[in-house]
Amino acid sequence: MPRLGEYLSLGIDSLKVEGRNKSDYYVAVVARAYRAAIDAWYADPENFDADPYLRELASVPSRGYTLGFHTGRLENTGHNFHHGASLSAFEFAGSIREWDGDDLIMEVKNRLLPGDVIEILPPGSIDNIRVRLYEFEDSKNRKISDKFTSGAKRAIRIRREQLHSENIEELKAQIPPGTVVRKARPLTSEQETILKQNNLTQEVETGLLPAESLLRTEEQSVALRGAIRKTKPPRMGEHGCCGLGCNGCLPFWQDPKYEKARQLLRTKKGLPKLNRTLLDQALSAE
């Protein structure tokens, strides 16, 4: 991905994404990221930025990414002698089976717990749609439960009111049946350390950090890079609004603390999806 522009500038017409023995989630995320990146490069080659698409690829379990021989000689960062597990901070949550009126029916692939944020991944765009779920309605018997497990094509119903800040007609165009959904994956402290080290190695390879960064302690590396990107939202929102822009975020949409912020958002056309910049603007009005 960091060298994509160089390959496209050669006049290459097609890139193949491996799919054999891969999950639906892998194929969907990787093909989608490259499709969007290729379109972005052709739209503005001089200002192409691979970072948003690298973040998408990071949501797929891997043993860590490397440039390998893409830059000629294989550097020492291209080897991993410490672990062999494929890891990611995200996992396959499920896929959209169909629209039932204004409700979404989502087939579940991994266990869902109260406060989980699911990310719906619309084809053709990396602008994801986030929904925080506090309870789960079985699509078959309409029973409500506080957790939901996968198996035997089990599915949940995401009701229209849970998507209250979205334009439902636009959503229907953006989210066809088969659309993939992901969620944050619980990690052990060891797994989190491995992911941080993988990210550090990648940043050294792409020139964002000096090579000596790899020789520093984890604490020194974090200080050097600044705060590591927050990838996992708090499940139950006990720390307040996390700024991810989730539909159904109880702390933001119901807590009196954010009333002025909500009023500010409502003055903007179409009640835009919340994001970190918009949240900062809104909270400054408090």
C-alpha atoms as a PDB file:
ATOM      1  CA  MET A   1       0.000   0.000   0.000  1.00  0.00           C
ATOM      2  CA  PRO A   2       2.765   2.586   0.777  1.00  0.00           C
ATOM      3  CA  ARG A   3       4.208   1.892  -2.718  1.00  0.00           C
ATOM      4  CA  LEU A   4       0.873   1.689  -4.530  1.00  0.00           C
ATOM      5  CA  GLY A   5       1.378   4.966  -6.389  1.00  0.00           C
ATOM      6  CA  GLU A   6       4.683   3.759  -7.829  1.00  0.00           C
ATOM      7  CA  TYR A   7       3.059   0.649  -9.262  1.00  0.00           C
ATOM      8  CA  LEU A   8       0.063   2.475 -10.683  1.00  0.00           C
ATOM      9  CA  SER A   9       2.343   5.042 -12.315  1.00  0.00           C
ATOM     10  CA  LEU A  10       3.920   2.177 -14.278  1.00  0.00           C
ATOM     11  CA  GLY A  11       0.577   1.645 -16.017  1.00  0.00           C
ATOM     12  CA  ILE A  12      -0.447  -1.536 -14.207  1.00  0.00           C
ATOM     13  CA  ASP A  13      -4.095  -2.298 -14.995  1.00  0.00           C
ATOM     14  CA  SER A  14      -4.954  -4.875 -12.356  1.00  0.00           C
ATOM     15  CA  LEU A  15      -4.028  -5.943  -8.834  1.00  0.00           C
ATOM     16  CA  LYS A  16      -4.957  -9.379  -7.507  1.00  0.00           C
ATOM     17  CA  VAL A  17      -6.056  -9.812  -3.909  1.00  0.00           C
ATOM     18  CA  GLU A  18      -5.429 -13.335  -2.654  1.00  0.00           C
ATOM     19  CA  GLY A  19      -8.643 -15.030  -1.612  1.00  0.00           C
ATOM     20  CA  ARG A  20      -8.017 -18.752  -1.487  1.00  0.00           C
ATOM     21  CA  ASN A  21      -8.480 -20.104   2.040  1.00  0.00           C
ATOM     22  CA  LYS A  22      -9.243 -16.582   3.253  1.00  0.00           C
ATOM     23  CA  SER A  23     -12.348 -15.449   5.119  1.00  0.00           C
ATOM     24  CA  ASP A  24     -15.107 -13.292   3.672  1.00  0.00           C
ATOM     25  CA  TYR A  25     -13.930 -10.617   6.077  1.00  0.00           C
ATOM     26  CA  TYR A  26     -10.349 -10.658   4.770  1.00  0.00           C
ATOM     27  CA  VAL A  27     -11.352 -10.499   1.124  1.00  0.00           C
ATOM     28  CA  ALA A  28     -13.940  -7.768   1.697  1.00  0.00           C
ATOM     29  CA  VAL A  29     -11.693  -5.472   3.753  1.00  0.00           C
ATOM     30  CA  VAL A  30      -8.562  -5.845   1.617  1.00  0.00           C
ATOM     31  CA  ALA A  31     -10.286  -5.566  -1.773  1.00  0.00           C
ATOM     32  CA  ARG A  32     -12.311  -2.596  -0.536  1.00  0.00           C
ATOM     33  CA  ALA A  33      -9.230  -0.792   0.803  1.00  0.00           C
ATOM     34  CA  TYR A  34      -7.292  -1.224  -2.436  1.00  0.00           C
ATOM     35  CA  ARG A  35     -10.277  -0.276  -4.600  1.00  0.00           C
ATOM     36  CA  ALA A  36     -10.697   2.963  -2.653  1.00  0.00           C
ATOM     37  CA  ALA A  37      -6.949   3.651  -2.628  1.00  0.00           C
ATOM     38  CA  ILE A  38      -6.628   3.141  -6.382  1.00  0.00           C
ATOM     39  CA  ASP A  39      -9.539   5.505  -7.019  1.00  0.00           C
ATOM     40  CA  ALA A  40      -7.978   8.084  -4.680  1.00  0.00           C
ATOM     41  CA  TRP A  41      -4.616   7.869  -6.455  1.00  0.00           C
ATOM     42  CA  TYR A  42      -6.154   8.384  -9.888  1.00  0.00           C
ATOM     43  CA  ALA A  43      -8.204  11.316  -8.569  1.00  0.00           C
ATOM     44  CA  ASP A  44      -5.120  13.123  -7.201  1.00  0.00           C
ATOM     45  CA  PRO A  45      -1.792  11.273  -7.650  1.00  0.00           C
ATOM     46  CA  GLU A  46       0.330  14.123  -6.275  1.00  0.00           C
ATOM     47  CA  ASN A  47      -1.447  14.229  -2.918  1.00  0.00           C
ATOM     48  CA  PHE A  48      -2.185  10.528  -2.449  1.00  0.00           C
ATOM     49  CA  ASP A  49      -1.927   9.479   1.218  1.00  0.00           C
ATOM     50  CA  ALA A  50      -1.795   5.753   1.960  1.00  0.00           C
ATOM     51  CA  ASP A  51      -2.357   6.120   5.714  1.00  0.00           C
ATOM     52  CA  PRO A  52      -6.199   5.820   5.782  1.00  0.00           C
ATOM     53  CA  TYR A  53      -5.996   2.636   3.719  1.00  0.00           C
ATOM     54  CA  LEU A  54      -3.185   1.205   5.835  1.00  0.00           C
ATOM     55  CA  ARG A  55      -5.446   1.636   8.859  1.00  0.00           C
ATOM     56  CA  GLU A  56      -8.096  -0.402   7.064  1.00  0.00           C
ATOM     57  CA  LEU A  57      -5.603  -3.170   6.313  1.00  0.00           C
ATOM     58  CA  ALA A  58      -4.563  -3.149   9.973  1.00  0.00           C
ATOM     59  CA  SER A  59      -8.094  -4.268  10.888  1.00  0.00           C
ATOM     60  CA  VAL A  60      -7.370  -7.629   9.221  1.00  0.00           C
ATOM     61  CA  PRO A  61      -5.525 -10.191  11.380  1.00  0.00           C
ATOM     62  CA  SER A  62      -1.903 -10.521  10.248  1.00  0.00           C
ATOM     63  CA  ARG A  63       1.563 -11.334  11.550  1.00  0.00           C
ATOM     64  CA  GLY A  64       2.550  -7.725  10.913  1.00  0.00           C
ATOM     65  CA  TYR A  65       3.068  -6.002   7.578  1.00  0.00           C
ATOM     66  CA  THR A  66       6.381  -5.412   5.849  1.00  0.00           C
ATOM     67  CA  LEU A  67       7.525  -3.870   2.557  1.00  0.00           C
ATOM     68  CA  GLY A  68       9.517  -7.043   1.934  1.00  0.00           C
ATOM     69  CA  PHE A  69      11.423  -6.753  -1.362  1.00  0.00           C
ATOM     70  CA  HIS A  70       9.291  -3.876  -2.671  1.00  0.00           C
ATOM     71  CA  THR A  71      12.139  -1.461  -1.993  1.00  0.00           C
ATOM     72  CA  GLY A  72      14.851  -3.780  -3.268  1.00  0.00           C
ATOM     73  CA  ARG A  73      16.868  -5.209  -0.415  1.00  0.00           C
ATOM     74  CA  LEU A  74      15.085  -6.934   2.446  1.00  0.00           C
ATOM     75  CA  GLU A  75      15.875  -5.006   5.629  1.00  0.00           C
ATOM     76  CA  ASN A  76      16.019  -6.502   9.118  1.00  0.00           C
ATOM     77  CA  THR A  77      12.549  -5.082   9.798  1.00  0.00           C
ATOM     78  CA  GLY A  78      11.202  -7.577   7.253  1.00  0.00           C
ATOM     79  CA  HIS A  79      11.811 -10.476   9.669  1.00  0.00           C
ATOM     80  CA  ASN A  80       9.763 -11.427  12.684  1.00  0.00           C
ATOM     81  CA  PHE A  81      11.336 -13.867  15.116  1.00  0.00           C
ATOM     82  CA  HIS A  82       9.185 -13.102  18.145  1.00  0.00           C
ATOM     83  CA  HIS A  83       5.743 -14.509  17.377  1.00  0.00           C
ATOM     84  CA  GLY A  84       3.768 -16.201  14.626  1.00  0.00           C
ATOM     85  CA  ALA A  85       0.184 -15.390  15.544  1.00  0.00           C
ATOM     86  CA  SER A  86      -2.103 -13.391  13.275  1.00  0.00           C
ATOM     87  CA  LEU A  87      -3.528 -10.510  15.284  1.00  0.00           C
ATOM     88  CA  SER A  88      -5.733  -7.478  14.895  1.00  0.00           C
ATOM     89  CA  ALA A  89      -7.668  -5.159  17.180  1.00  0.00           C
ATOM     90  CA  PHE A  90     -10.799  -6.041  15.164  1.00  0.00           C
ATOM     91  CA  GLU A  91     -12.719  -9.160  14.214  1.00  0.00           C
ATOM     92  CA  PHE A  92     -15.449 -10.267  11.830  1.00  0.00           C
ATOM     93  CA  ALA A  93     -18.772  -9.326  13.455  1.00  0.00           C
ATOM     94  CA  GLY A  94     -21.049 -10.513  10.673  1.00  0.00           C
ATOM     95  CA  SER A  95     -22.625  -9.528   7.375  1.00  0.00           C
ATOM     96  CA  ILE A  96     -25.816  -7.818   6.276  1.00  0.00           C
ATOM     97  CA  ARG A  97     -28.365 -10.382   5.142  1.00  0.00           C
ATOM     98  CA  GLU A  98     -31.094  -8.016   3.998  1.00  0.00           C
ATOM     99  CA  TRP A  99     -33.169  -4.933   4.626  1.00  0.00           C
ATOM    100  CA  ASP A 100     -36.543  -5.645   6.231  1.00  0.00           C
ATOM    101  CA  GLY A 101     -38.405  -2.406   5.693  1.00  0.00           C
ATOM    102  CA  ASP A 102     -36.230   0.183   7.438  1.00  0.00           C
ATOM    103  CA  ASP A 103     -34.546  -2.410   9.669  1.00  0.00           C
ATOM    104  CA  LEU A 104     -31.235  -4.152   8.961  1.00  0.00           C
ATOM    105  CA  ILE A 105     -30.904  -7.910   9.396  1.00  0.00           C
ATOM    106  CA  MET A 106     -27.329  -8.832  10.287  1.00  0.00           C
ATOM    107  CA  GLU A 107     -26.046 -12.404  10.397  1.00  0.00           C
ATOM    108  CA  VAL A 108     -23.696 -12.713  13.381  1.00  0.00           C
ATOM    109  CA  LYS A 109     -20.250 -14.345  13.111  1.00  0.00           C
ATOM    110  CA  ASN A 110     -18.783 -13.537  16.549  1.00  0.00           C
ATOM    111  CA  ARG A 111     -20.280 -12.965  19.990  1.00  0.00           C
ATOM    112  CA  LEU A 112     -21.796  -9.545  20.667  1.00  0.00           C
ATOM    113  CA  LEU A 113     -21.895  -7.974  24.139  1.00  0.00           C
ATOM    114  CA  PRO A 114     -23.717  -4.885  25.513  1.00  0.00           C
ATOM    115  CA  GLY A 115     -22.018  -1.663  24.447  1.00  0.00           C
ATOM    116  CA  ASP A 116     -20.201  -3.216  21.492  1.00  0.00           C
ATOM    117  CA  VAL A 117     -19.678  -0.874  18.557  1.00  0.00           C
ATOM    118  CA  ILE A 118     -20.114  -2.508  15.178  1.00  0.00           C
ATOM    119  CA  GLU A 119     -18.676  -0.936  12.038  1.00  0.00           C
ATOM    120  CA  ILE A 120     -20.584  -1.494   8.810  1.00  0.00           C
ATOM    121  CA  LEU A 121     -18.190  -1.345   5.839  1.00  0.00           C
ATOM    122  CA  PRO A 122     -20.011   0.054   2.772  1.00  0.00           C
ATOM    123  CA  PRO A 123     -18.590  -1.149  -0.551  1.00  0.00           C
ATOM    124  CA  GLY A 124     -16.780   1.544  -2.535  1.00  0.00           C
ATOM    125  CA  SER A 125     -15.917   3.733   0.449  1.00  0.00           C
ATOM    126  CA  ILE A 126     -13.822   3.591   3.630  1.00  0.00           C
ATOM    127  CA  ASP A 127     -16.264   5.875   5.465  1.00  0.00           C
ATOM    128  CA  ASN A 128     -17.610   3.317   7.905  1.00  0.00           C
ATOM    129  CA  ILE A 129     -20.982   3.463   9.668  1.00  0.00           C
ATOM    130  CA  ARG A 130     -20.755   2.834  13.397  1.00  0.00           C
ATOM    131  CA  VAL A 131     -23.605   1.635  15.587  1.00  0.00           C
ATOM    132  CA  ARG A 132     -23.353   1.057  19.336  1.00  0.00           C
ATOM    133  CA  LEU A 133     -25.611  -1.767  20.506  1.00  0.00           C
ATOM    134  CA  TYR A 134     -26.793  -2.258  24.078  1.00  0.00           C
ATOM    135  CA  GLU A 135     -29.247  -5.093  23.436  1.00  0.00           C
ATOM    136  CA  PHE A 136     -29.861  -7.592  20.672  1.00  0.00           C
ATOM    137  CA  GLU A 137     -33.114  -8.598  19.012  1.00  0.00           C
ATOM    138  CA  ASP A 138     -33.198 -12.055  17.445  1.00  0.00           C
ATOM    139  CA  SER A 139     -34.385 -11.568  13.858  1.00  0.00           C
ATOM    140  CA  LYS A 140     -36.348 -14.824  13.941  1.00  0.00           C
ATOM    141  CA  ASN A 141     -38.258 -14.834  17.221  1.00  0.00           C
ATOM    142  CA  ARG A 142     -37.861 -11.107  18.102  1.00  0.00           C
ATOM    143  CA  LYS A 143     -36.587 -12.045  21.570  1.00  0.00           C
ATOM    144  CA  ILE A 144     -34.425  -9.352  23.225  1.00  0.00           C
ATOM    145  CA  SER A 145     -31.210 -10.410  25.014  1.00  0.00           C
ATOM    146  CA  ASP A 146     -28.165  -8.684  26.487  1.00  0.00           C
ATOM    147  CA  LYS A 147     -25.709 -10.778  24.461  1.00  0.00           C
ATOM    148  CA  PHE A 148     -25.790 -12.678  21.209  1.00  0.00           C
ATOM    149  CA  THR A 149     -23.711 -15.574  19.921  1.00  0.00           C
ATOM    150  CA  SER A 150     -23.181 -16.840  16.404  1.00  0.00           C
ATOM    151  CA  GLY A 151     -24.216 -20.178  14.936  1.00  0.00           C
ATOM    152  CA  ALA A 152     -26.731 -21.747  12.549  1.00  0.00           C
ATOM    153  CA  LYS A 153     -27.151 -18.502  10.584  1.00  0.00           C
ATOM    154  CA  ARG A 154     -28.352 -16.623  13.662  1.00  0.00           C
ATOM    155  CA  ALA A 155     -29.089 -12.976  12.964  1.00  0.00           C
ATOM    156  CA  ILE A 156     -30.047  -9.803  14.814  1.00  0.00           C
ATOM    157  CA  ARG A 157     -32.364  -7.001  13.821  1.00  0.00           C
ATOM    158  CA  ILE A 158     -30.899  -3.482  13.890  1.00  0.00           C
ATOM    159  CA  ARG A 159     -33.957  -1.282  14.194  1.00  0.00           C
ATOM    160  CA  ARG A 160     -34.510   2.012  12.428  1.00  0.00           C
ATOM    161  CA  GLU A 161     -34.385   3.963  15.698  1.00  0.00           C
ATOM    162  CA  GLN A 162     -30.898   2.580  16.373  1.00  0.00           C
ATOM    163  CA  LEU A 163     -29.793   4.341  13.182  1.00  0.00           C
ATOM    164  CA  HIS A 164     -31.468   7.595  14.152  1.00  0.00           C
ATOM    165  CA  SER A 165     -28.702   9.953  12.998  1.00  0.00           C
ATOM    166  CA  GLU A 166     -28.492   8.459   9.496  1.00  0.00           C
ATOM    167  CA  ASN A 167     -30.526   9.110   6.353  1.00  0.00           C
ATOM    168  CA  ILE A 168     -32.242   5.750   5.917  1.00  0.00           C
ATOM    169  CA  GLU A 169     -32.697   6.020   2.138  1.00  0.00           C
ATOM    170  CA  GLU A 170     -29.021   6.836   1.679  1.00  0.00           C
ATOM    171  CA  LEU A 171     -28.132   3.915   3.927  1.00  0.00           C
ATOM    172  CA  LYS A 172     -30.134   1.509   1.794  1.00  0.00           C
ATOM    173  CA  ALA A 173     -28.115   2.592  -1.243  1.00  0.00           C
ATOM    174  CA  GLN A 174     -24.818   2.335   0.657  1.00  0.00           C
ATOM    175  CA  ILE A 175     -25.394  -1.009   2.395  1.00  0.00           C
ATOM    176  CA  PRO A 176     -26.451  -3.823   0.054  1.00  0.00           C
ATOM    177  CA  PRO A 177     -26.936  -7.429   1.210  1.00  0.00           C
ATOM    178  CA  GLY A 178     -23.572  -9.070   1.793  1.00  0.00           C
ATOM    179  CA  THR A 179     -21.959  -5.968   3.289  1.00  0.00           C
ATOM    180  CA  VAL A 180     -19.358  -6.963   5.879  1.00  0.00           C
ATOM    181  CA  VAL A 181     -19.463  -5.794   9.512  1.00  0.00           C
ATOM    182  CA  ARG A 182     -16.618  -5.764  12.054  1.00  0.00           C
ATOM    183  CA  LYS A 183     -16.168  -4.976  15.736  1.00  0.00           C
ATOM    184  CA  ALA A 184     -13.375  -4.402  18.251  1.00  0.00           C
ATOM    185  CA  ARG A 185     -11.761  -7.608  19.479  1.00  0.00           C
ATOM    186  CA  PRO A 186     -10.845  -8.151  23.147  1.00  0.00           C
ATOM    187  CA  LEU A 187      -7.052  -8.461  23.471  1.00  0.00           C
ATOM    188  CA  THR A 188      -4.710  -9.602  26.201  1.00  0.00           C
ATOM    189  CA  SER A 189      -1.953  -7.234  27.331  1.00  0.00           C
ATOM    190  CA  GLU A 190       0.562  -9.441  25.491  1.00  0.00           C
ATOM    191  CA  GLN A 191      -1.418  -9.212  22.257  1.00  0.00           C
ATOM    192  CA  GLU A 192      -1.685  -5.430  22.597  1.00  0.00           C
ATOM    193  CA  THR A 193       2.089  -5.226  23.027  1.00  0.00           C
ATOM    194  CA  ILE A 194       2.631  -7.311  19.880  1.00  0.00           C
ATOM    195  CA  LEU A 195       0.322  -5.069  17.861  1.00  0.00           C
ATOM    196  CA  LYS A 196       2.110  -1.954  19.113  1.00  0.00           C
ATOM    197  CA  GLN A 197       5.457  -3.444  18.120  1.00  0.00           C
ATOM    198  CA  ASN A 198       4.116  -4.382  14.674  1.00  0.00           C
ATOM    199  CA  ASN A 199       2.903  -0.816  14.213  1.00  0.00           C
ATOM    200  CA  LEU A 200       6.255   0.576  15.334  1.00  0.00           C
ATOM    201  CA  THR A 201       8.134  -1.623  12.850  1.00  0.00           C
ATOM    202  CA  GLN A 202       5.833  -0.504  10.033  1.00  0.00           C
ATOM    203  CA  GLU A 203       6.394   3.161  10.860  1.00  0.00           C
ATOM    204  CA  VAL A 204      10.170   2.638  10.804  1.00  0.00           C
ATOM    205  CA  GLU A 205       9.960   0.877   7.429  1.00  0.00           C
ATOM    206  CA  THR A 206       7.898   3.653   5.872  1.00  0.00           C
ATOM    207  CA  GLY A 207      10.242   6.341   7.173  1.00  0.00           C
ATOM    208  CA  LEU A 208       7.975   7.858   9.805  1.00  0.00           C
ATOM    209  CA  LEU A 209      10.418   6.980  12.593  1.00  0.00           C
ATOM    210  CA  PRO A 210      14.209   6.494  12.747  1.00  0.00           C
ATOM    211  CA  ALA A 211      15.513   2.912  12.816  1.00  0.00           C
ATOM    212  CA  GLU A 212      16.929   3.318  16.324  1.00  0.00           C
ATOM    213  CA  SER A 213      13.355   3.545  17.592  1.00  0.00           C
ATOM    214  CA  LEU A 214      13.198  -0.236  17.425  1.00  0.00           C
ATOM    215  CA  LEU A 215      15.958  -0.438  20.028  1.00  0.00           C
ATOM    216  CA  ARG A 216      14.111   1.649  22.567  1.00  0.00           C
ATOM    217  CA  THR A 217      11.915   0.379  25.355  1.00  0.00           C
ATOM    218  CA  GLU A 218       8.171   0.256  24.769  1.00  0.00           C
ATOM    219  CA  GLU A 219       7.642   3.278  27.050  1.00  0.00           C
ATOM    220  CA  GLN A 220      10.269   5.307  25.167  1.00  0.00           C
ATOM    221  CA  SER A 221       8.800   4.287  21.825  1.00  0.00           C
ATOM    222  CA  VAL A 222       5.318   5.418  22.850  1.00  0.00           C
ATOM    223  CA  ALA A 223       6.715   8.770  24.004  1.00  0.00           C
ATOM    224  CA  LEU A 224       8.587   9.188  20.736  1.00  0.00           C
ATOM    225  CA  ARG A 225       5.614   8.446  18.529  1.00  0.00           C
ATOM    226  CA  GLY A 226       3.103  10.314  20.632  1.00  0.00           C
ATOM    227  CA  ALA A 227      -0.076   8.659  21.828  1.00  0.00           C
ATOM    228  CA  ILE A 228      -0.846   5.409  20.027  1.00  0.00           C
ATOM    229  CA  ARG A 229      -4.035   5.677  17.997  1.00  0.00           C
ATOM    230  CA  LYS A 230      -7.071   4.622  19.936  1.00  0.00           C
ATOM    231  CA  THR A 231      -8.681   1.773  18.031  1.00  0.00           C
ATOM    232  CA  LYS A 232     -11.064   0.234  20.549  1.00  0.00           C
ATOM    233  CA  PRO A 233     -14.046   2.209  21.858  1.00  0.00           C
ATOM    234  CA  PRO A 234     -15.176   1.717  25.472  1.00  0.00           C
ATOM    235  CA  ARG A 235     -17.990  -0.838  25.510  1.00  0.00           C
ATOM    236  CA  MET A 236     -20.365   0.810  27.930  1.00  0.00           C
ATOM    237  CA  GLY A 237     -19.205   4.389  27.512  1.00  0.00           C
ATOM    238  CA  GLU A 238     -18.348   4.893  31.176  1.00  0.00           C
ATOM    239  CA  HIS A 239     -15.691   7.404  30.130  1.00  0.00           C
ATOM    240  CA  GLY A 240     -18.203   9.509  28.201  1.00  0.00           C
ATOM    241  CA  CYS A 241     -18.436   9.972  24.445  1.00  0.00           C
ATOM    242  CA  CYS A 242     -15.386   8.452  22.738  1.00  0.00           C
ATOM    243  CA  GLY A 243     -15.848  10.624  19.638  1.00  0.00           C
ATOM    244  CA  LEU A 244     -16.161   7.757  17.149  1.00  0.00           C
ATOM    245  CA  GLY A 245     -19.525   9.007  15.959  1.00  0.00           C
ATOM    246  CA  CYS A 246     -21.555   5.930  16.862  1.00  0.00           C
ATOM    247  CA  ASN A 247     -25.284   5.882  16.314  1.00  0.00           C
ATOM    248  CA  GLY A 248     -27.006   5.093  19.588  1.00  0.00           C
ATOM    249  CA  CYS A 249     -24.207   6.394  21.821  1.00  0.00           C
ATOM    250  CA  LEU A 250     -26.052   6.788  25.121  1.00  0.00           C
ATOM    251  CA  PRO A 251     -23.516   9.078  26.835  1.00  0.00           C
ATOM    252  CA  PHE A 252     -23.522  11.644  24.043  1.00  0.00           C
ATOM    253  CA  TRP A 253     -27.160  11.568  22.976  1.00  0.00           C
ATOM    254  CA  GLN A 254     -28.743  11.366  26.451  1.00  0.00           C
ATOM    255  CA  ASP A 255     -26.373  12.788  29.082  1.00  0.00           C
ATOM    256  CA  PRO A 256     -27.392  16.357  30.094  1.00  0.00           C
ATOM    257  CA  LYS A 257     -23.673  17.165  30.133  1.00  0.00           C
ATOM    258  CA  TYR A 258     -23.686  17.201  26.321  1.00  0.00           C
ATOM    259  CA  GLU A 259     -26.921  19.155  25.756  1.00  0.00           C
ATOM    260  CA  LYS A 260     -25.227  22.274  24.357  1.00  0.00           C
ATOM    261  CA  ALA A 261     -23.070  20.104  22.148  1.00  0.00           C
ATOM    262  CA  ARG A 262     -26.173  18.339  20.784  1.00  0.00           C
ATOM    263  CA  GLN A 263     -27.803  21.702  20.084  1.00  0.00           C
ATOM    264  CA  LEU A 264     -24.739  22.795  18.144  1.00  0.00           C
ATOM    265  CA  LEU A 265     -24.797  19.637  16.065  1.00  0.00           C
ATOM    266  CA  ARG A 266     -28.474  20.130  15.251  1.00  0.00           C
ATOM    267  CA  THR A 267     -27.736  23.554  13.768  1.00  0.00           C
ATOM    268  CA  LYS A 268     -25.591  21.859  11.133  1.00  0.00           C
ATOM    269  CA  LYS A 269     -27.338  20.697   7.987  1.00  0.00           C
ATOM    270  CA  GLY A 270     -28.462  17.088   8.066  1.00  0.00           C
ATOM    271  CA  LEU A 271     -27.153  16.408  11.594  1.00  0.00           C
ATOM    272  CA  PRO A 272     -23.779  15.094  10.381  1.00  0.00           C
ATOM    273  CA  LYS A 273     -22.168  11.978  11.762  1.00  0.00           C
ATOM    274  CA  LEU A 274     -20.165  12.769  14.881  1.00  0.00           C
ATOM    275  CA  ASN A 275     -16.374  12.683  14.606  1.00  0.00           C
ATOM    276  CA  ARG A 276     -13.482  13.772  16.795  1.00  0.00           C
ATOM    277  CA  THR A 277     -13.130  17.228  15.198  1.00  0.00           C
ATOM    278  CA  LEU A 278     -16.856  17.909  15.429  1.00  0.00           C
ATOM    279  CA  LEU A 279     -16.938  16.638  19.004  1.00  0.00           C
ATOM    280  CA  ASP A 280     -14.111  18.990  20.013  1.00  0.00           C
ATOM    281  CA  GLN A 281     -15.970  21.920  18.427  1.00  0.00           C
ATOM    282  CA  ALA A 282     -19.187  20.937  20.160  1.00  0.00           C
ATOM    283  CA  LEU A 283     -17.651  20.449  23.590  1.00  0.00           C
ATOM    284  CA  SER A 284     -15.825  23.788  23.355  1.00  0.00           C
ATOM    285  CA  ALA A 285     -19.290  25.368  23.335  1.00  0.00           C
ATOM    286  CA  GLU A 286     -19.872  23.938  26.806  1.00  0.00           C
END
